[in-house]
Amino acid sequence: QVQLVESGGRLVQAGDSLRLSCAASGLTFSRQSMAWFRRAPGKEREFVAAISWSGGSPSYAEPVKGRFTASRDNAKNTMYLQMNSLKPEDTAVYYCAARPEYYSDVVYLNEHDYDYWGQGTQVTVSS
């Protein structure tokens, strides 16, 4: 049974930093292309960051470029999202997603490309 469990979300102030974690089980983590998405209140879920098997060359959405960093530790079956210089508009439920990828060290930016999802963790940034 595949499980993705996000953690680390909480209430912070604008300008603060936060690190989210996504712990995976029930799958071969080192062969998953992974991503972070978020859903802000009243909005559609949107892409935040994606990272390939190897962790090389992550991709980011424009609003978070230069502030957020995605990484992974395949030995720990865990993906991370380091979020710096947080803004109130970063307030959202953050989800991690996984997709098996056996042939190419690639990333996917569309939520429909992902097979597995976590339940989400709430990040609230106060002004």
Foldseek 3Di string as FASTA:
>chain_A
DKAWAKDWADEEAAQAKTKMKIAIDDDQLLQKWKFKWWDAPPGDIFGAWTFFSVRPDIDGDPVQPPFWHWGDDSVRRMIMIIGGRDDQVVWTWMKMFIDGHDPDRDIDGDPVRTDDMHPTDTHGYHD
